[in-house]
C-alpha atoms as a PDB file:
ATOM      1  CA  UNK A   1      35.597 107.819 -40.682  1.00  0.00           C
ATOM      2  CA  UNK A   2      36.272 104.337 -41.133  1.00  0.00           C
ATOM      3  CA  UNK A   3      38.989 102.230 -40.070  1.00  0.00           C
ATOM      4  CA  UNK A   4      39.968  98.737 -41.030  1.00  0.00           C
ATOM      5  CA  UNK A   5      40.279  96.358 -38.166  1.00  0.00           C
ATOM      6  CA  UNK A   6      41.784  92.890 -38.009  1.00  0.00           C
ATOM      7  CA  UNK A   7      40.112  90.325 -35.726  1.00  0.00           C
ATOM      8  CA  UNK A   8      39.858  86.918 -35.616  1.00  0.00           C
ATOM      9  CA  UNK A   9      36.256  85.391 -35.034  1.00  0.00           C
ATOM     10  CA  UNK A  10      35.579  81.816 -34.166  1.00  0.00           C
ATOM     11  CA  UNK A  11      38.926  80.800 -35.448  1.00  0.00           C
ATOM     12  CA  UNK A  12      38.875  82.672 -38.773  1.00  0.00           C
ATOM     13  CA  UNK A  13      41.352  85.724 -39.306  1.00  0.00           C
ATOM     14  CA  UNK A  14      38.999  88.489 -40.917  1.00  0.00           C
ATOM     15  CA  UNK A  15      39.313  92.193 -41.331  1.00  0.00           C
ATOM     16  CA  UNK A  16      36.379  94.687 -41.252  1.00  0.00           C
ATOM     17  CA  UNK A  17      35.871  98.368 -42.162  1.00  0.00           C
ATOM     18  CA  UNK A  18      33.897 100.318 -39.639  1.00  0.00           C
ATOM     19  CA  UNK A  19      33.972 103.480 -37.675  1.00  0.00           C
ATOM     20  CA  UNK A  20      36.343 102.708 -34.691  1.00  0.00           C
ATOM     21  CA  UNK A  21      33.525 103.419 -32.302  1.00  0.00           C
ATOM     22  CA  UNK A  22      31.067 100.920 -33.629  1.00  0.00           C
ATOM     23  CA  UNK A  23      30.060  98.458 -30.845  1.00  0.00           C
ATOM     24  CA  UNK A  24      31.603  95.007 -31.189  1.00  0.00           C
ATOM     25  CA  UNK A  25      27.889  93.766 -31.502  1.00  0.00           C
ATOM     26  CA  UNK A  26      27.062  95.545 -34.070  1.00  0.00           C
ATOM     27  CA  UNK A  27      30.029  94.565 -36.237  1.00  0.00           C
ATOM     28  CA  UNK A  28      29.308  90.857 -35.310  1.00  0.00           C
ATOM     29  CA  UNK A  29      25.990  90.894 -36.153  1.00  0.00           C
ATOM     30  CA  UNK A  30      25.482  93.331 -39.220  1.00  0.00           C
ATOM     31  CA  UNK A  31      29.094  93.156 -40.973  1.00  0.00           C
ATOM     32  CA  UNK A  32      29.690  89.215 -40.004  1.00  0.00           C
ATOM     33  CA  UNK A  33      26.280  88.149 -39.922  1.00  0.00           C
ATOM     34  CA  UNK A  34      27.119  86.441 -36.917  1.00  0.00           C
ATOM     35  CA  UNK A  35      23.472  87.172 -35.129  1.00  0.00           C
ATOM     36  CA  UNK A  36      23.928  84.387 -31.938  1.00  0.00           C
ATOM     37  CA  UNK A  37      24.996  87.633 -29.702  1.00  0.00           C
ATOM     38  CA  UNK A  38      21.440  89.534 -29.280  1.00  0.00           C
ATOM     39  CA  UNK A  39      21.286  92.794 -27.819  1.00  0.00           C
ATOM     40  CA  UNK A  40      19.012  92.734 -24.824  1.00  0.00           C
ATOM     41  CA  UNK A  41      19.267  95.612 -22.511  1.00  0.00           C
ATOM     42  CA  UNK A  42      22.354  97.525 -24.229  1.00  0.00           C
ATOM     43  CA  UNK A  43      23.867  98.525 -21.092  1.00  0.00           C
ATOM     44  CA  UNK A  44      25.747  94.961 -20.351  1.00  0.00           C
ATOM     45  CA  UNK A  45      23.549  93.522 -17.713  1.00  0.00           C
ATOM     46  CA  UNK A  46      21.517  90.794 -19.249  1.00  0.00           C
ATOM     47  CA  UNK A  47      24.467  89.006 -20.803  1.00  0.00           C
ATOM     48  CA  UNK A  48      22.554  88.250 -24.231  1.00  0.00           C
ATOM     49  CA  UNK A  49      25.672  89.911 -26.055  1.00  0.00           C
ATOM     50  CA  UNK A  50      28.436  87.837 -24.166  1.00  0.00           C
ATOM     51  CA  UNK A  51      31.125  86.806 -26.175  1.00  0.00           C
ATOM     52  CA  UNK A  52      34.697  85.402 -25.226  1.00  0.00           C
ATOM     53  CA  UNK A  53      37.564  87.757 -25.919  1.00  0.00           C
ATOM     54  CA  UNK A  54      41.243  86.800 -25.808  1.00  0.00           C
ATOM     55  CA  UNK A  55      43.481  89.853 -26.418  1.00  0.00           C
ATOM     56  CA  UNK A  56      46.429  87.939 -27.006  1.00  0.00           C
ATOM     57  CA  UNK A  57      47.780  87.341 -23.356  1.00  0.00           C
ATOM     58  CA  UNK A  58      45.949  83.877 -23.624  1.00  0.00           C
ATOM     59  CA  UNK A  59      43.214  84.492 -20.841  1.00  0.00           C
ATOM     60  CA  UNK A  60      39.972  84.835 -22.719  1.00  0.00           C
ATOM     61  CA  UNK A  61      37.417  86.551 -20.666  1.00  0.00           C
ATOM     62  CA  UNK A  62      34.030  86.876 -21.159  1.00  0.00           C
ATOM     63  CA  UNK A  63      32.741  90.614 -22.274  1.00  0.00           C
ATOM     64  CA  UNK A  64      29.716  92.176 -23.097  1.00  0.00           C
ATOM     65  CA  UNK A  65      29.825  93.059 -26.880  1.00  0.00           C
ATOM     66  CA  UNK A  66      27.511  95.746 -26.512  1.00  0.00           C
ATOM     67  CA  UNK A  67      29.912  97.733 -24.228  1.00  0.00           C
ATOM     68  CA  UNK A  68      33.093  97.396 -26.123  1.00  0.00           C
ATOM     69  CA  UNK A  69      33.998  99.666 -29.365  1.00  0.00           C
ATOM     70  CA  UNK A  70      35.249  97.303 -32.286  1.00  0.00           C
ATOM     71  CA  UNK A  71      38.573  99.584 -31.957  1.00  0.00           C
ATOM     72  CA  UNK A  72      39.529  97.850 -28.841  1.00  0.00           C
ATOM     73  CA  UNK A  73      39.092  94.045 -30.378  1.00  0.00           C
ATOM     74  CA  UNK A  74      41.901  95.005 -32.971  1.00  0.00           C
ATOM     75  CA  UNK A  75      44.094  92.030 -33.232  1.00  0.00           C
ATOM     76  CA  UNK A  76      41.826  89.894 -30.529  1.00  0.00           C
ATOM     77  CA  UNK A  77      40.462  86.349 -30.902  1.00  0.00           C
ATOM     78  CA  UNK A  78      36.541  86.839 -30.320  1.00  0.00           C
ATOM     79  CA  UNK A  79      34.612  83.239 -29.900  1.00  0.00           C
ATOM     80  CA  UNK A  80      30.793  83.908 -30.159  1.00  0.00           C
ATOM     81  CA  UNK A  81      28.146  81.183 -29.645  1.00  0.00           C
ATOM     82  CA  UNK A  82      28.363  80.056 -33.342  1.00  0.00           C
ATOM     83  CA  UNK A  83      32.219  79.058 -32.301  1.00  0.00           C
ATOM     84  CA  UNK A  84      31.227  77.155 -29.085  1.00  0.00           C
ATOM     85  CA  UNK A  85      28.280  75.393 -30.871  1.00  0.00           C
ATOM     86  CA  UNK A  86      29.658  72.400 -32.757  1.00  0.00           C
ATOM     87  CA  UNK A  87      28.347  72.356 -36.619  1.00  0.00           C
ATOM     88  CA  UNK A  88      26.522  68.922 -36.572  1.00  0.00           C
ATOM     89  CA  UNK A  89      24.595  67.654 -39.839  1.00  0.00           C
ATOM     90  CA  UNK A  90      21.116  67.093 -39.746  1.00  0.00           C
ATOM     91  CA  UNK A  91      19.687  63.645 -38.894  1.00  0.00           C
ATOM     92  CA  UNK A  92      19.057  61.399 -41.851  1.00  0.00           C
ATOM     93  CA  UNK A  93      15.603  61.176 -43.422  1.00  0.00           C
ATOM     94  CA  UNK A  94      13.592  58.239 -42.137  1.00  0.00           C
ATOM     95  CA  UNK A  95      13.171  56.837 -45.862  1.00  0.00           C
ATOM     96  CA  UNK A  96      17.092  56.680 -46.081  1.00  0.00           C
ATOM     97  CA  UNK A  97      17.473  54.767 -43.180  1.00  0.00           C
ATOM     98  CA  UNK A  98      17.822  50.855 -43.281  1.00  0.00           C
ATOM     99  CA  UNK A  99      14.405  48.842 -42.680  1.00  0.00           C
ATOM    100  CA  UNK A 100      14.560  46.598 -39.981  1.00  0.00           C
ATOM    101  CA  UNK A 101      11.803  44.044 -38.709  1.00  0.00           C
ATOM    102  CA  UNK A 102      11.777  45.808 -35.178  1.00  0.00           C
ATOM    103  CA  UNK A 103       8.594  48.333 -34.766  1.00  0.00           C
ATOM    104  CA  UNK A 104       9.878  52.027 -34.561  1.00  0.00           C
ATOM    105  CA  UNK A 105       7.760  52.484 -31.388  1.00  0.00           C
ATOM    106  CA  UNK A 106       8.373  50.413 -28.376  1.00  0.00           C
ATOM    107  CA  UNK A 107       5.022  49.762 -26.751  1.00  0.00           C
ATOM    108  CA  UNK A 108       4.346  49.752 -23.027  1.00  0.00           C
ATOM    109  CA  UNK A 109       2.216  46.845 -22.757  1.00  0.00           C
ATOM    110  CA  UNK A 110       1.833  43.872 -24.718  1.00  0.00           C
ATOM    111  CA  UNK A 111      -1.655  44.311 -25.670  1.00  0.00           C
ATOM    112  CA  UNK A 112      -0.752  47.381 -27.421  1.00  0.00           C
ATOM    113  CA  UNK A 113       1.957  45.732 -29.296  1.00  0.00           C
ATOM    114  CA  UNK A 114       1.306  44.886 -32.569  1.00  0.00           C
ATOM    115  CA  UNK A 115       4.139  42.207 -32.692  1.00  0.00           C
ATOM    116  CA  UNK A 116       2.082  39.844 -30.394  1.00  0.00           C
ATOM    117  CA  UNK A 117      -0.793  38.255 -31.927  1.00  0.00           C
ATOM    118  CA  UNK A 118      -4.345  38.719 -30.493  1.00  0.00           C
ATOM    119  CA  UNK A 119      -4.329  35.042 -29.176  1.00  0.00           C
ATOM    120  CA  UNK A 120      -1.432  35.979 -26.784  1.00  0.00           C
ATOM    121  CA  UNK A 121      -2.812  39.218 -25.617  1.00  0.00           C
ATOM    122  CA  UNK A 122      -5.247  38.580 -22.573  1.00  0.00           C
ATOM    123  CA  UNK A 123      -7.861  40.857 -21.485  1.00  0.00           C
ATOM    124  CA  UNK A 124      -7.055  42.320 -18.151  1.00  0.00           C
ATOM    125  CA  UNK A 125      -8.647  41.110 -14.972  1.00  0.00           C
ATOM    126  CA  UNK A 126     -12.005  42.820 -13.632  1.00  0.00           C
ATOM    127  CA  UNK A 127     -11.545  44.497 -10.162  1.00  0.00           C
ATOM    128  CA  UNK A 128     -12.413  42.222  -7.423  1.00  0.00           C
ATOM    129  CA  UNK A 129     -15.294  44.714  -6.508  1.00  0.00           C
ATOM    130  CA  UNK A 130     -16.731  45.246  -9.948  1.00  0.00           C
ATOM    131  CA  UNK A 131     -19.948  43.918 -10.368  1.00  0.00           C
ATOM    132  CA  UNK A 132     -20.006  42.659 -13.921  1.00  0.00           C
ATOM    133  CA  UNK A 133     -23.572  42.447 -14.233  1.00  0.00           C
ATOM    134  CA  UNK A 134     -24.317  45.761 -13.636  1.00  0.00           C
ATOM    135  CA  UNK A 135     -23.885  48.529 -16.360  1.00  0.00           C
ATOM    136  CA  UNK A 136     -22.385  51.804 -16.035  1.00  0.00           C
ATOM    137  CA  UNK A 137     -24.695  54.545 -15.883  1.00  0.00           C
ATOM    138  CA  UNK A 138     -24.173  57.261 -18.509  1.00  0.00           C
ATOM    139  CA  UNK A 139     -23.114  60.569 -17.221  1.00  0.00           C
ATOM    140  CA  UNK A 140     -25.732  63.236 -16.741  1.00  0.00           C
ATOM    141  CA  UNK A 141     -25.496  66.220 -19.312  1.00  0.00           C
ATOM    142  CA  UNK A 142     -24.509  69.471 -17.329  1.00  0.00           C
ATOM    143  CA  UNK A 143     -27.826  70.915 -17.107  1.00  0.00           C
ATOM    144  CA  UNK A 144     -29.192  67.989 -15.703  1.00  0.00           C
ATOM    145  CA  UNK A 145     -26.344  67.719 -13.169  1.00  0.00           C
ATOM    146  CA  UNK A 146     -26.957  71.134 -12.081  1.00  0.00           C
ATOM    147  CA  UNK A 147     -30.678  70.542 -11.727  1.00  0.00           C
ATOM    148  CA  UNK A 148     -29.990  67.839  -9.679  1.00  0.00           C
ATOM    149  CA  UNK A 149     -27.571  69.785  -7.201  1.00  0.00           C
ATOM    150  CA  UNK A 150     -30.003  72.297  -7.054  1.00  0.00           C
ATOM    151  CA  UNK A 151     -32.560  70.188  -5.929  1.00  0.00           C
ATOM    152  CA  UNK A 152     -30.643  68.299  -3.161  1.00  0.00           C
ATOM    153  CA  UNK A 153     -29.779  71.793  -1.938  1.00  0.00           C
ATOM    154  CA  UNK A 154     -33.208  72.697  -1.563  1.00  0.00           C
ATOM    155  CA  UNK A 155     -33.934  69.508   0.331  1.00  0.00           C
ATOM    156  CA  UNK A 156     -30.939  70.095   2.464  1.00  0.00           C
ATOM    157  CA  UNK A 157     -32.006  73.606   3.590  1.00  0.00           C
ATOM    158  CA  UNK A 158     -35.531  72.560   4.205  1.00  0.00           C
ATOM    159  CA  UNK A 159     -34.168  69.829   6.523  1.00  0.00           C
ATOM    160  CA  UNK A 160     -32.142  72.143   8.236  1.00  0.00           C
ATOM    161  CA  UNK A 161     -35.078  74.592   8.913  1.00  0.00           C
ATOM    162  CA  UNK A 162     -37.394  71.825  10.152  1.00  0.00           C
ATOM    163  CA  UNK A 163     -34.360  70.642  12.439  1.00  0.00           C
ATOM    164  CA  UNK A 164     -34.144  74.048  13.995  1.00  0.00           C
ATOM    165  CA  UNK A 165     -37.697  75.323  14.685  1.00  0.00           C
END
């Protein structure tokens, strides 16, 4: 049996034809297409279906819409997450923004900043303990590193045996 139920949802007065024992959550999601309230546990413990309900006394209370039959919401004011969220316009496309001479990205160091000419950029000072004449060795390939570690372990074991005898 269908019942016509009048309620205010997110500031808009609406009427819904639904069975009186249909859950408020199902009316919001299926009939009014407000999908902000979700069904999590279906037992009122998780809170994902929470909505604010004002039954006309001026005191809005947080209720679990999965536990409320829609007949209990007759004449009530319901505020869902969509009603709490402020509608915003999407940000403008970058092509629509006015062009400026400023670089769109702020650089942390001047040597990375394209606004400074190369002559103004300075090379970093070498570390005081660095040896500029000595080139850095390339790292060993992994198979060579393992062979090196195995031979070093063998030498260490031989030295331990020699010391203990």
